[in-house]
């Protein structure tokens, strides 16, 4: 995909879900293995965001071709959910746009 077609994935991060956890932040905890096989792209994005405890709003353009037919088959080891999400987005020429409120814990 060329730069002019780059989609801003309005995975506009709204913030962390729930109370502040004890120990490492959810997006800093290393996950031993993340594996997906033929998962629709938007489902994979939502799953990684959920693992990172992020609320996301997907850009409506992701409900259009070519994204509607894209699937994800990956295996990552020893990465954080946030690292996996960012890698997934980068692999599909998508970006994460964080809202100013994203640093606040609820």
PDB file of N, CA and C in Angstrom:
ATOM      1  N   UNK A   1       0.853  -1.162   0.000  1.00  0.00           N
ATOM      2  CA  UNK A   1       0.000   0.000   0.000  1.00  0.00           C
ATOM      3  C   UNK A   1       0.900   1.227   0.000  1.00  0.00           C
ATOM      4  N   UNK A   2       0.596   2.217  -0.810  1.00  0.00           N
ATOM      5  CA  UNK A   2       1.435   3.408  -0.852  1.00  0.00           C
ATOM      6  C   UNK A   2       1.050   4.366   0.262  1.00  0.00           C
ATOM      7  N   UNK A   3       1.898   5.373   0.497  1.00  0.00           N
ATOM      8  CA  UNK A   3       1.666   6.291   1.604  1.00  0.00           C
ATOM      9  C   UNK A   3       0.380   7.090   1.455  1.00  0.00           C
ATOM     10  N   UNK A   4      -0.036   7.401   0.231  1.00  0.00           N
ATOM     11  CA  UNK A   4      -1.257   8.177   0.069  1.00  0.00           C
ATOM     12  C   UNK A   4      -2.488   7.365   0.447  1.00  0.00           C
ATOM     13  N   UNK A   5      -2.378   6.050   0.425  1.00  0.00           N
ATOM     14  CA  UNK A   5      -3.506   5.204   0.792  1.00  0.00           C
ATOM     15  C   UNK A   5      -3.446   4.783   2.258  1.00  0.00           C
ATOM     16  N   UNK A   6      -2.455   5.235   2.981  1.00  0.00           N
ATOM     17  CA  UNK A   6      -2.301   4.855   4.387  1.00  0.00           C
ATOM     18  C   UNK A   6      -3.541   5.282   5.170  1.00  0.00           C
ATOM     19  N   UNK A   7      -4.105   4.364   5.881  1.00  0.00           N
ATOM     20  CA  UNK A   7      -5.305   4.621   6.663  1.00  0.00           C
ATOM     21  C   UNK A   7      -4.932   4.964   8.085  1.00  0.00           C
ATOM     22  N   UNK A   8      -5.510   6.014   8.596  1.00  0.00           N
ATOM     23  CA  UNK A   8      -5.381   6.291  10.019  1.00  0.00           C
ATOM     24  C   UNK A   8      -6.399   5.413  10.706  1.00  0.00           C
ATOM     25  N   UNK A   9      -5.918   4.425  11.394  1.00  0.00           N
ATOM     26  CA  UNK A   9      -6.844   3.537  12.062  1.00  0.00           C
ATOM     27  C   UNK A   9      -7.315   4.264  13.292  1.00  0.00           C
ATOM     28  N   UNK A  10      -8.429   4.825  13.226  1.00  0.00           N
ATOM     29  CA  UNK A  10      -8.914   5.604  14.335  1.00  0.00           C
ATOM     30  C   UNK A  10      -9.138   4.642  15.459  1.00  0.00           C
ATOM     31  N   UNK A  11      -8.109   3.828  15.638  1.00  0.00           N
ATOM     32  CA  UNK A  11      -8.039   3.038  16.840  1.00  0.00           C
ATOM     33  C   UNK A  11      -7.681   4.113  17.822  1.00  0.00           C
ATOM     34  N   UNK A  12      -8.488   5.135  17.787  1.00  0.00           N
ATOM     35  CA  UNK A  12      -8.269   6.265  18.682  1.00  0.00           C
ATOM     36  C   UNK A  12      -8.412   5.697  20.071  1.00  0.00           C
ATOM     37  N   UNK A  13      -7.309   5.527  20.710  1.00  0.00           N
ATOM     38  CA  UNK A  13      -7.304   4.911  22.020  1.00  0.00           C
ATOM     39  C   UNK A  13      -7.973   5.854  22.995  1.00  0.00           C
ATOM     40  N   UNK A  14      -9.007   5.384  23.614  1.00  0.00           N
ATOM     41  CA  UNK A  14      -9.765   6.214  24.532  1.00  0.00           C
ATOM     42  C   UNK A  14      -9.215   6.090  25.935  1.00  0.00           C
ATOM     43  N   UNK A  15      -8.549   5.041  26.271  1.00  0.00           N
ATOM     44  CA  UNK A  15      -7.924   4.922  27.584  1.00  0.00           C
ATOM     45  C   UNK A  15      -7.898   3.503  28.082  1.00  0.00           C
ATOM     46  N   UNK A  16      -7.261   3.313  29.200  1.00  0.00           N
ATOM     47  CA  UNK A  16      -7.205   2.001  29.816  1.00  0.00           C
ATOM     48  C   UNK A  16      -8.562   1.678  30.409  1.00  0.00           C
ATOM     49  N   UNK A  17      -8.930   0.420  30.360  1.00  0.00           N
ATOM     50  CA  UNK A  17     -10.205  -0.021  30.912  1.00  0.00           C
ATOM     51  C   UNK A  17     -10.033  -0.377  32.381  1.00  0.00           C
ATOM     52  N   UNK A  18     -11.012  -0.086  33.165  1.00  0.00           N
ATOM     53  CA  UNK A  18     -11.039  -0.557  34.535  1.00  0.00           C
ATOM     54  C   UNK A  18     -10.059   0.150  35.448  1.00  0.00           C
ATOM     55  N   UNK A  19      -9.893  -0.418  36.624  1.00  0.00           N
ATOM     56  CA  UNK A  19      -9.020   0.159  37.643  1.00  0.00           C
ATOM     57  C   UNK A  19      -7.563  -0.096  37.297  1.00  0.00           C
ATOM     58  N   UNK A  20      -6.693   0.721  37.848  1.00  0.00           N
ATOM     59  CA  UNK A  20      -5.262   0.548  37.639  1.00  0.00           C
ATOM     60  C   UNK A  20      -4.825  -0.769  38.266  1.00  0.00           C
ATOM     61  N   UNK A  21      -4.164  -1.633  37.495  1.00  0.00           N
ATOM     62  CA  UNK A  21      -3.768  -2.939  38.002  1.00  0.00           C
ATOM     63  C   UNK A  21      -2.513  -2.828  38.858  1.00  0.00           C
ATOM     64  N   UNK A  22      -2.333  -3.834  39.738  1.00  0.00           N
ATOM     65  CA  UNK A  22      -1.082  -3.930  40.482  1.00  0.00           C
ATOM     66  C   UNK A  22      -0.046  -4.540  39.549  1.00  0.00           C
ATOM     67  N   UNK A  23       1.204  -4.174  39.706  1.00  0.00           N
ATOM     68  CA  UNK A  23       2.257  -4.725  38.864  1.00  0.00           C
ATOM     69  C   UNK A  23       2.365  -3.985  37.560  1.00  0.00           C
ATOM     70  N   UNK A  24       2.915  -4.662  36.527  1.00  0.00           N
ATOM     71  CA  UNK A  24       3.126  -3.983  35.248  1.00  0.00           C
ATOM     72  C   UNK A  24       1.813  -3.546  34.619  1.00  0.00           C
ATOM     73  N   UNK A  25       1.848  -2.451  33.895  1.00  0.00           N
ATOM     74  CA  UNK A  25       0.668  -2.012  33.158  1.00  0.00           C
ATOM     75  C   UNK A  25       0.318  -3.079  32.138  1.00  0.00           C
ATOM     76  N   UNK A  26      -0.960  -3.204  31.769  1.00  0.00           N
ATOM     77  CA  UNK A  26      -1.368  -4.258  30.836  1.00  0.00           C
ATOM     78  C   UNK A  26      -0.606  -4.227  29.530  1.00  0.00           C
ATOM     79  N   UNK A  27      -0.271  -3.026  29.046  1.00  0.00           N
ATOM     80  CA  UNK A  27       0.430  -2.974  27.769  1.00  0.00           C
ATOM     81  C   UNK A  27       1.925  -3.190  27.941  1.00  0.00           C
ATOM     82  N   UNK A  28       2.385  -3.419  29.181  1.00  0.00           N
ATOM     83  CA  UNK A  28       3.794  -3.700  29.428  1.00  0.00           C
ATOM     84  C   UNK A  28       4.036  -5.158  29.790  1.00  0.00           C
ATOM     85  N   UNK A  29       2.991  -5.911  30.123  1.00  0.00           N
ATOM     86  CA  UNK A  29       3.137  -7.313  30.497  1.00  0.00           C
ATOM     87  C   UNK A  29       3.493  -8.130  29.264  1.00  0.00           C
ATOM     88  N   UNK A  30       4.547  -8.927  29.376  1.00  0.00           N
ATOM     89  CA  UNK A  30       4.983  -9.767  28.261  1.00  0.00           C
ATOM     90  C   UNK A  30       4.092 -11.002  28.189  1.00  0.00           C
ATOM     91  N   UNK A  31       3.612 -11.275  26.994  1.00  0.00           N
ATOM     92  CA  UNK A  31       2.766 -12.438  26.750  1.00  0.00           C
ATOM     93  C   UNK A  31       3.657 -13.520  26.137  1.00  0.00           C
ATOM     94  N   UNK A  32       3.668 -14.715  26.720  1.00  0.00           N
ATOM     95  CA  UNK A  32       4.571 -15.753  26.212  1.00  0.00           C
ATOM     96  C   UNK A  32       4.373 -16.070  24.724  1.00  0.00           C
ATOM     97  N   UNK A  33       3.118 -16.287  24.291  1.00  0.00           N
ATOM     98  CA  UNK A  33       2.843 -16.617  22.884  1.00  0.00           C
ATOM     99  C   UNK A  33       1.527 -15.970  22.467  1.00  0.00           C
ATOM    100  N   UNK A  34       1.546 -15.336  21.309  1.00  0.00           N
ATOM    101  CA  UNK A  34       0.325 -14.838  20.671  1.00  0.00           C
ATOM    102  C   UNK A  34       0.263 -15.515  19.315  1.00  0.00           C
ATOM    103  N   UNK A  35      -0.820 -16.233  19.072  1.00  0.00           N
ATOM    104  CA  UNK A  35      -0.953 -16.934  17.802  1.00  0.00           C
ATOM    105  C   UNK A  35      -2.360 -16.744  17.265  1.00  0.00           C
ATOM    106  N   UNK A  36      -2.439 -16.430  15.981  1.00  0.00           N
ATOM    107  CA  UNK A  36      -3.718 -16.297  15.287  1.00  0.00           C
ATOM    108  C   UNK A  36      -3.589 -16.991  13.941  1.00  0.00           C
ATOM    109  N   UNK A  37      -4.667 -17.618  13.518  1.00  0.00           N
ATOM    110  CA  UNK A  37      -4.671 -18.309  12.237  1.00  0.00           C
ATOM    111  C   UNK A  37      -5.919 -17.918  11.461  1.00  0.00           C
ATOM    112  N   UNK A  38      -5.729 -17.211  10.349  1.00  0.00           N
ATOM    113  CA  UNK A  38      -6.825 -16.788   9.473  1.00  0.00           C
ATOM    114  C   UNK A  38      -7.919 -16.010  10.211  1.00  0.00           C
ATOM    115  N   UNK A  39      -7.510 -15.086  11.058  1.00  0.00           N
ATOM    116  CA  UNK A  39      -8.436 -14.232  11.800  1.00  0.00           C
ATOM    117  C   UNK A  39      -8.675 -12.971  10.969  1.00  0.00           C
ATOM    118  N   UNK A  40      -9.919 -12.542  10.788  1.00  0.00           N
ATOM    119  CA  UNK A  40     -10.165 -11.290  10.065  1.00  0.00           C
ATOM    120  C   UNK A  40      -9.369 -10.144  10.702  1.00  0.00           C
ATOM    121  N   UNK A  41      -8.823  -9.287   9.863  1.00  0.00           N
ATOM    122  CA  UNK A  41      -7.952  -8.203  10.323  1.00  0.00           C
ATOM    123  C   UNK A  41      -8.582  -7.379  11.435  1.00  0.00           C
ATOM    124  N   UNK A  42      -9.818  -6.948  11.265  1.00  0.00           N
ATOM    125  CA  UNK A  42     -10.429  -6.098  12.283  1.00  0.00           C
ATOM    126  C   UNK A  42     -10.627  -6.850  13.597  1.00  0.00           C
ATOM    127  N   UNK A  43     -10.903  -8.152  13.528  1.00  0.00           N
ATOM    128  CA  UNK A  43     -11.017  -8.949  14.751  1.00  0.00           C
ATOM    129  C   UNK A  43      -9.662  -9.049  15.447  1.00  0.00           C
ATOM    130  N   UNK A  44      -8.611  -9.230  14.674  1.00  0.00           N
ATOM    131  CA  UNK A  44      -7.260  -9.317  15.239  1.00  0.00           C
ATOM    132  C   UNK A  44      -6.884  -8.007  15.929  1.00  0.00           C
ATOM    133  N   UNK A  45      -7.224  -6.886  15.307  1.00  0.00           N
ATOM    134  CA  UNK A  45      -6.941  -5.577  15.905  1.00  0.00           C
ATOM    135  C   UNK A  45      -7.699  -5.437  17.222  1.00  0.00           C
ATOM    136  N   UNK A  46      -8.972  -5.790  17.199  1.00  0.00           N
ATOM    137  CA  UNK A  46      -9.777  -5.684  18.424  1.00  0.00           C
ATOM    138  C   UNK A  46      -9.245  -6.600  19.532  1.00  0.00           C
ATOM    139  N   UNK A  47      -8.834  -7.816  19.159  1.00  0.00           N
ATOM    140  CA  UNK A  47      -8.301  -8.748  20.152  1.00  0.00           C
ATOM    141  C   UNK A  47      -7.022  -8.209  20.790  1.00  0.00           C
ATOM    142  N   UNK A  48      -6.123  -7.675  19.963  1.00  0.00           N
ATOM    143  CA  UNK A  48      -4.867  -7.140  20.501  1.00  0.00           C
ATOM    144  C   UNK A  48      -5.131  -5.907  21.365  1.00  0.00           C
ATOM    145  N   UNK A  49      -6.067  -5.073  20.953  1.00  0.00           N
ATOM    146  CA  UNK A  49      -6.412  -3.891  21.748  1.00  0.00           C
ATOM    147  C   UNK A  49      -7.007  -4.316  23.088  1.00  0.00           C
ATOM    148  N   UNK A  50      -7.858  -5.337  23.059  1.00  0.00           N
ATOM    149  CA  UNK A  50      -8.465  -5.831  24.295  1.00  0.00           C
ATOM    150  C   UNK A  50      -7.392  -6.391  25.232  1.00  0.00           C
ATOM    151  N   UNK A  51      -6.437  -7.143  24.678  1.00  0.00           N
ATOM    152  CA  UNK A  51      -5.348  -7.678  25.496  1.00  0.00           C
ATOM    153  C   UNK A  51      -4.503  -6.558  26.107  1.00  0.00           C
ATOM    154  N   UNK A  52      -4.391  -5.449  25.374  1.00  0.00           N
ATOM    155  CA  UNK A  52      -3.646  -4.298  25.883  1.00  0.00           C
ATOM    156  C   UNK A  52      -4.527  -3.425  26.775  1.00  0.00           C
ATOM    157  N   UNK A  53      -5.777  -3.847  26.952  1.00  0.00           N
ATOM    158  CA  UNK A  53      -6.766  -3.113  27.753  1.00  0.00           C
ATOM    159  C   UNK A  53      -6.965  -1.700  27.233  1.00  0.00           C
ATOM    160  N   UNK A  54      -7.107  -1.597  25.923  1.00  0.00           N
ATOM    161  CA  UNK A  54      -7.353  -0.317  25.268  1.00  0.00           C
ATOM    162  C   UNK A  54      -8.740  -0.327  24.639  1.00  0.00           C
ATOM    163  N   UNK A  55      -9.433   0.782  24.746  1.00  0.00           N
ATOM    164  CA  UNK A  55     -10.693   0.960  24.024  1.00  0.00           C
ATOM    165  C   UNK A  55     -10.335   1.528  22.662  1.00  0.00           C
ATOM    166  N   UNK A  56     -10.885   0.967  21.616  1.00  0.00           N
ATOM    167  CA  UNK A  56     -10.571   1.458  20.275  1.00  0.00           C
ATOM    168  C   UNK A  56     -11.827   1.736  19.480  1.00  0.00           C
ATOM    169  N   UNK A  57     -11.683   2.645  18.555  1.00  0.00           N
ATOM    170  CA  UNK A  57     -12.719   2.937  17.571  1.00  0.00           C
ATOM    171  C   UNK A  57     -12.031   2.771  16.225  1.00  0.00           C
ATOM    172  N   UNK A  58     -12.495   1.804  15.454  1.00  0.00           N
ATOM    173  CA  UNK A  58     -11.865   1.542  14.163  1.00  0.00           C
ATOM    174  C   UNK A  58     -12.359   2.523  13.118  1.00  0.00           C
ATOM    175  N   UNK A  59     -11.452   2.928  12.266  1.00  0.00           N
ATOM    176  CA  UNK A  59     -11.794   3.787  11.149  1.00  0.00           C
ATOM    177  C   UNK A  59     -12.841   3.070  10.302  1.00  0.00           C
ATOM    178  N   UNK A  60     -13.933   3.730   9.927  1.00  0.00           N
ATOM    179  CA  UNK A  60     -14.980   3.088   9.110  1.00  0.00           C
ATOM    180  C   UNK A  60     -14.453   2.527   7.787  1.00  0.00           C
ATOM    181  N   UNK A  61     -13.351   3.050   7.303  1.00  0.00           N
ATOM    182  CA  UNK A  61     -12.799   2.534   6.043  1.00  0.00           C
ATOM    183  C   UNK A  61     -12.326   1.096   6.165  1.00  0.00           C
ATOM    184  N   UNK A  62     -12.122   0.618   7.397  1.00  0.00           N
ATOM    185  CA  UNK A  62     -11.714  -0.776   7.580  1.00  0.00           C
ATOM    186  C   UNK A  62     -12.859  -1.742   7.305  1.00  0.00           C
ATOM    187  N   UNK A  63     -14.070  -1.233   7.148  1.00  0.00           N
ATOM    188  CA  UNK A  63     -15.226  -2.058   6.806  1.00  0.00           C
ATOM    189  C   UNK A  63     -15.418  -2.132   5.293  1.00  0.00           C
ATOM    190  N   UNK A  64     -14.435  -1.622   4.548  1.00  0.00           N
ATOM    191  CA  UNK A  64     -14.498  -1.606   3.085  1.00  0.00           C
ATOM    192  C   UNK A  64     -13.336  -2.427   2.518  1.00  0.00           C
ATOM    193  N   UNK A  65     -13.444  -2.758   1.228  1.00  0.00           N
ATOM    194  CA  UNK A  65     -12.347  -3.442   0.535  1.00  0.00           C
ATOM    195  C   UNK A  65     -11.135  -2.517   0.536  1.00  0.00           C
ATOM    196  N   UNK A  66      -9.956  -3.039   0.626  1.00  0.00           N
ATOM    197  CA  UNK A  66      -9.579  -4.458   0.658  1.00  0.00           C
ATOM    198  C   UNK A  66      -9.577  -5.056   2.055  1.00  0.00           C
ATOM    199  N   UNK A  67      -9.836  -4.249   3.087  1.00  0.00           N
ATOM    200  CA  UNK A  67      -9.699  -4.714   4.468  1.00  0.00           C
ATOM    201  C   UNK A  67     -10.683  -5.816   4.839  1.00  0.00           C
ATOM    202  N   UNK A  68     -11.860  -5.822   4.223  1.00  0.00           N
ATOM    203  CA  UNK A  68     -12.887  -6.800   4.582  1.00  0.00           C
ATOM    204  C   UNK A  68     -12.478  -8.231   4.257  1.00  0.00           C
ATOM    205  N   UNK A  69     -11.539  -8.399   3.353  1.00  0.00           N
ATOM    206  CA  UNK A  69     -11.106  -9.751   2.980  1.00  0.00           C
ATOM    207  C   UNK A  69      -9.753 -10.130   3.579  1.00  0.00           C
ATOM    208  N   UNK A  70      -9.129  -9.212   4.297  1.00  0.00           N
ATOM    209  CA  UNK A  70      -7.809  -9.487   4.871  1.00  0.00           C
ATOM    210  C   UNK A  70      -7.928 -10.342   6.125  1.00  0.00           C
ATOM    211  N   UNK A  71      -7.044 -11.340   6.207  1.00  0.00           N
ATOM    212  CA  UNK A  71      -6.969 -12.161   7.408  1.00  0.00           C
ATOM    213  C   UNK A  71      -5.544 -12.110   7.957  1.00  0.00           C
ATOM    214  N   UNK A  72      -5.421 -12.497   9.203  1.00  0.00           N
ATOM    215  CA  UNK A  72      -4.143 -12.441   9.893  1.00  0.00           C
ATOM    216  C   UNK A  72      -3.772 -13.842  10.365  1.00  0.00           C
ATOM    217  N   UNK A  73      -2.563 -14.255  10.051  1.00  0.00           N
ATOM    218  CA  UNK A  73      -1.984 -15.493  10.576  1.00  0.00           C
ATOM    219  C   UNK A  73      -0.615 -15.118  11.114  1.00  0.00           C
ATOM    220  N   UNK A  74      -0.486 -15.123  12.421  1.00  0.00           N
ATOM    221  CA  UNK A  74       0.770 -14.691  13.043  1.00  0.00           C
ATOM    222  C   UNK A  74       1.102 -15.598  14.231  1.00  0.00           C
ATOM    223  N   UNK A  75       2.342 -15.546  14.608  1.00  0.00           N
ATOM    224  CA  UNK A  75       2.809 -16.165  15.854  1.00  0.00           C
ATOM    225  C   UNK A  75       3.924 -15.277  16.378  1.00  0.00           C
ATOM    226  N   UNK A  76       3.695 -14.701  17.537  1.00  0.00           N
ATOM    227  CA  UNK A  76       4.715 -13.885  18.194  1.00  0.00           C
ATOM    228  C   UNK A  76       5.012 -14.506  19.543  1.00  0.00           C
ATOM    229  N   UNK A  77       6.240 -14.392  19.967  1.00  0.00           N
ATOM    230  CA  UNK A  77       6.638 -14.868  21.284  1.00  0.00           C
ATOM    231  C   UNK A  77       7.269 -13.736  22.069  1.00  0.00           C
ATOM    232  N   UNK A  78       6.930 -13.694  23.354  1.00  0.00           N
ATOM    233  CA  UNK A  78       7.535 -12.765  24.308  1.00  0.00           C
ATOM    234  C   UNK A  78       7.431 -11.309  23.871  1.00  0.00           C
ATOM    235  N   UNK A  79       6.210 -10.887  23.582  1.00  0.00           N
ATOM    236  CA  UNK A  79       5.938  -9.485  23.252  1.00  0.00           C
ATOM    237  C   UNK A  79       4.803  -8.993  24.144  1.00  0.00           C
ATOM    238  N   UNK A  80       4.697  -7.697  24.285  1.00  0.00           N
ATOM    239  CA  UNK A  80       3.551  -7.136  25.006  1.00  0.00           C
ATOM    240  C   UNK A  80       2.383  -7.034  24.034  1.00  0.00           C
ATOM    241  N   UNK A  81       1.191  -6.911  24.574  1.00  0.00           N
ATOM    242  CA  UNK A  81       0.014  -6.756  23.723  1.00  0.00           C
ATOM    243  C   UNK A  81       0.121  -5.484  22.896  1.00  0.00           C
ATOM    244  N   UNK A  82       0.647  -4.423  23.482  1.00  0.00           N
ATOM    245  CA  UNK A  82       0.811  -3.166  22.752  1.00  0.00           C
ATOM    246  C   UNK A  82       1.809  -3.327  21.607  1.00  0.00           C
ATOM    247  N   UNK A  83       2.918  -4.013  21.853  1.00  0.00           N
ATOM    248  CA  UNK A  83       3.903  -4.265  20.786  1.00  0.00           C
ATOM    249  C   UNK A  83       3.276  -5.074  19.662  1.00  0.00           C
ATOM    250  N   UNK A  84       2.489  -6.079  20.026  1.00  0.00           N
ATOM    251  CA  UNK A  84       1.823  -6.900  19.016  1.00  0.00           C
ATOM    252  C   UNK A  84       0.827  -6.075  18.215  1.00  0.00           C
ATOM    253  N   UNK A  85       0.048  -5.244  18.900  1.00  0.00           N
ATOM    254  CA  UNK A  85      -0.920  -4.388  18.213  1.00  0.00           C
ATOM    255  C   UNK A  85      -0.209  -3.453  17.245  1.00  0.00           C
ATOM    256  N   UNK A  86       0.838  -2.802  17.691  1.00  0.00           N
ATOM    257  CA  UNK A  86       1.571  -1.870  16.821  1.00  0.00           C
ATOM    258  C   UNK A  86       2.197  -2.593  15.635  1.00  0.00           C
ATOM    259  N   UNK A  87       2.725  -3.794  15.854  1.00  0.00           N
ATOM    260  CA  UNK A  87       3.312  -4.571  14.755  1.00  0.00           C
ATOM    261  C   UNK A  87       2.234  -4.993  13.755  1.00  0.00           C
ATOM    262  N   UNK A  88       1.086  -5.419  14.280  1.00  0.00           N
ATOM    263  CA  UNK A  88      -0.020  -5.804  13.417  1.00  0.00           C
ATOM    264  C   UNK A  88      -0.449  -4.642  12.533  1.00  0.00           C
ATOM    265  N   UNK A  89      -0.603  -3.467  13.138  1.00  0.00           N
ATOM    266  CA  UNK A  89      -1.000  -2.281  12.375  1.00  0.00           C
ATOM    267  C   UNK A  89       0.056  -1.923  11.336  1.00  0.00           C
ATOM    268  N   UNK A  90       1.309  -1.930  11.757  1.00  0.00           N
ATOM    269  CA  UNK A  90       2.393  -1.582  10.830  1.00  0.00           C
ATOM    270  C   UNK A  90       2.454  -2.552   9.652  1.00  0.00           C
ATOM    271  N   UNK A  91       2.228  -3.844   9.921  1.00  0.00           N
ATOM    272  CA  UNK A  91       2.251  -4.849   8.855  1.00  0.00           C
ATOM    273  C   UNK A  91       1.187  -4.595   7.795  1.00  0.00           C
ATOM    274  N   UNK A  92       0.144  -3.851   8.153  1.00  0.00           N
ATOM    275  CA  UNK A  92      -0.944  -3.568   7.217  1.00  0.00           C
ATOM    276  C   UNK A  92      -1.010  -2.081   6.847  1.00  0.00           C
ATOM    277  N   UNK A  93       0.096  -1.384   7.063  1.00  0.00           N
ATOM    278  CA  UNK A  93       0.181   0.055   6.746  1.00  0.00           C
ATOM    279  C   UNK A  93      -0.919   0.859   7.423  1.00  0.00           C
ATOM    280  N   UNK A  94      -1.198   0.509   8.665  1.00  0.00           N
ATOM    281  CA  UNK A  94      -2.176   1.224   9.470  1.00  0.00           C
ATOM    282  C   UNK A  94      -1.446   1.868  10.645  1.00  0.00           C
ATOM    283  N   UNK A  95      -2.069   2.845  11.242  1.00  0.00           N
ATOM    284  CA  UNK A  95      -1.446   3.512  12.382  1.00  0.00           C
ATOM    285  C   UNK A  95      -2.440   3.635  13.529  1.00  0.00           C
ATOM    286  N   UNK A  96      -1.892   3.757  14.720  1.00  0.00           N
ATOM    287  CA  UNK A  96      -2.673   3.964  15.916  1.00  0.00           C
ATOM    288  C   UNK A  96      -2.687   5.444  16.227  1.00  0.00           C
ATOM    289  N   UNK A  97      -3.867   5.997  16.427  1.00  0.00           N
ATOM    290  CA  UNK A  97      -3.998   7.412  16.769  1.00  0.00           C
ATOM    291  C   UNK A  97      -4.544   7.460  18.182  1.00  0.00           C
ATOM    292  N   UNK A  98      -3.737   7.943  19.119  1.00  0.00           N
ATOM    293  CA  UNK A  98      -4.162   7.971  20.509  1.00  0.00           C
ATOM    294  C   UNK A  98      -4.815   9.305  20.850  1.00  0.00           C
ATOM    295  N   UNK A  99      -5.885   9.224  21.607  1.00  0.00           N
ATOM    296  CA  UNK A  99      -6.550  10.443  22.049  1.00  0.00           C
ATOM    297  C   UNK A  99      -5.768  11.040  23.215  1.00  0.00           C
ATOM    298  N   UNK A 100      -5.926  12.338  23.490  1.00  0.00           N
ATOM    299  CA  UNK A 100      -5.223  12.951  24.610  1.00  0.00           C
ATOM    300  C   UNK A 100      -5.568  12.298  25.944  1.00  0.00           C
ATOM    301  N   UNK A 101      -6.746  11.706  26.045  1.00  0.00           N
ATOM    302  CA  UNK A 101      -7.150  11.075  27.299  1.00  0.00           C
ATOM    303  C   UNK A 101      -6.523   9.705  27.503  1.00  0.00           C
ATOM    304  N   UNK A 102      -5.789   9.174  26.528  1.00  0.00           N
ATOM    305  CA  UNK A 102      -5.341   7.794  26.593  1.00  0.00           C
ATOM    306  C   UNK A 102      -4.401   7.496  27.747  1.00  0.00           C
ATOM    307  N   UNK A 103      -3.746   8.503  28.320  1.00  0.00           N
ATOM    308  CA  UNK A 103      -2.834   8.254  29.416  1.00  0.00           C
ATOM    309  C   UNK A 103      -3.521   8.148  30.758  1.00  0.00           C
ATOM    310  N   UNK A 104      -4.803   8.477  30.844  1.00  0.00           N
ATOM    311  CA  UNK A 104      -5.510   8.455  32.121  1.00  0.00           C
ATOM    312  C   UNK A 104      -6.012   7.064  32.445  1.00  0.00           C
ATOM    313  N   UNK A 105      -5.938   6.717  33.710  1.00  0.00           N
ATOM    314  CA  UNK A 105      -6.499   5.457  34.188  1.00  0.00           C
ATOM    315  C   UNK A 105      -7.846   5.753  34.830  1.00  0.00           C
ATOM    316  N   UNK A 106      -8.770   4.850  34.618  1.00  0.00           N
ATOM    317  CA  UNK A 106     -10.115   5.007  35.186  1.00  0.00           C
ATOM    318  C   UNK A 106     -10.279   4.091  36.364  1.00  0.00           C
TER     319      UNK A 106
END
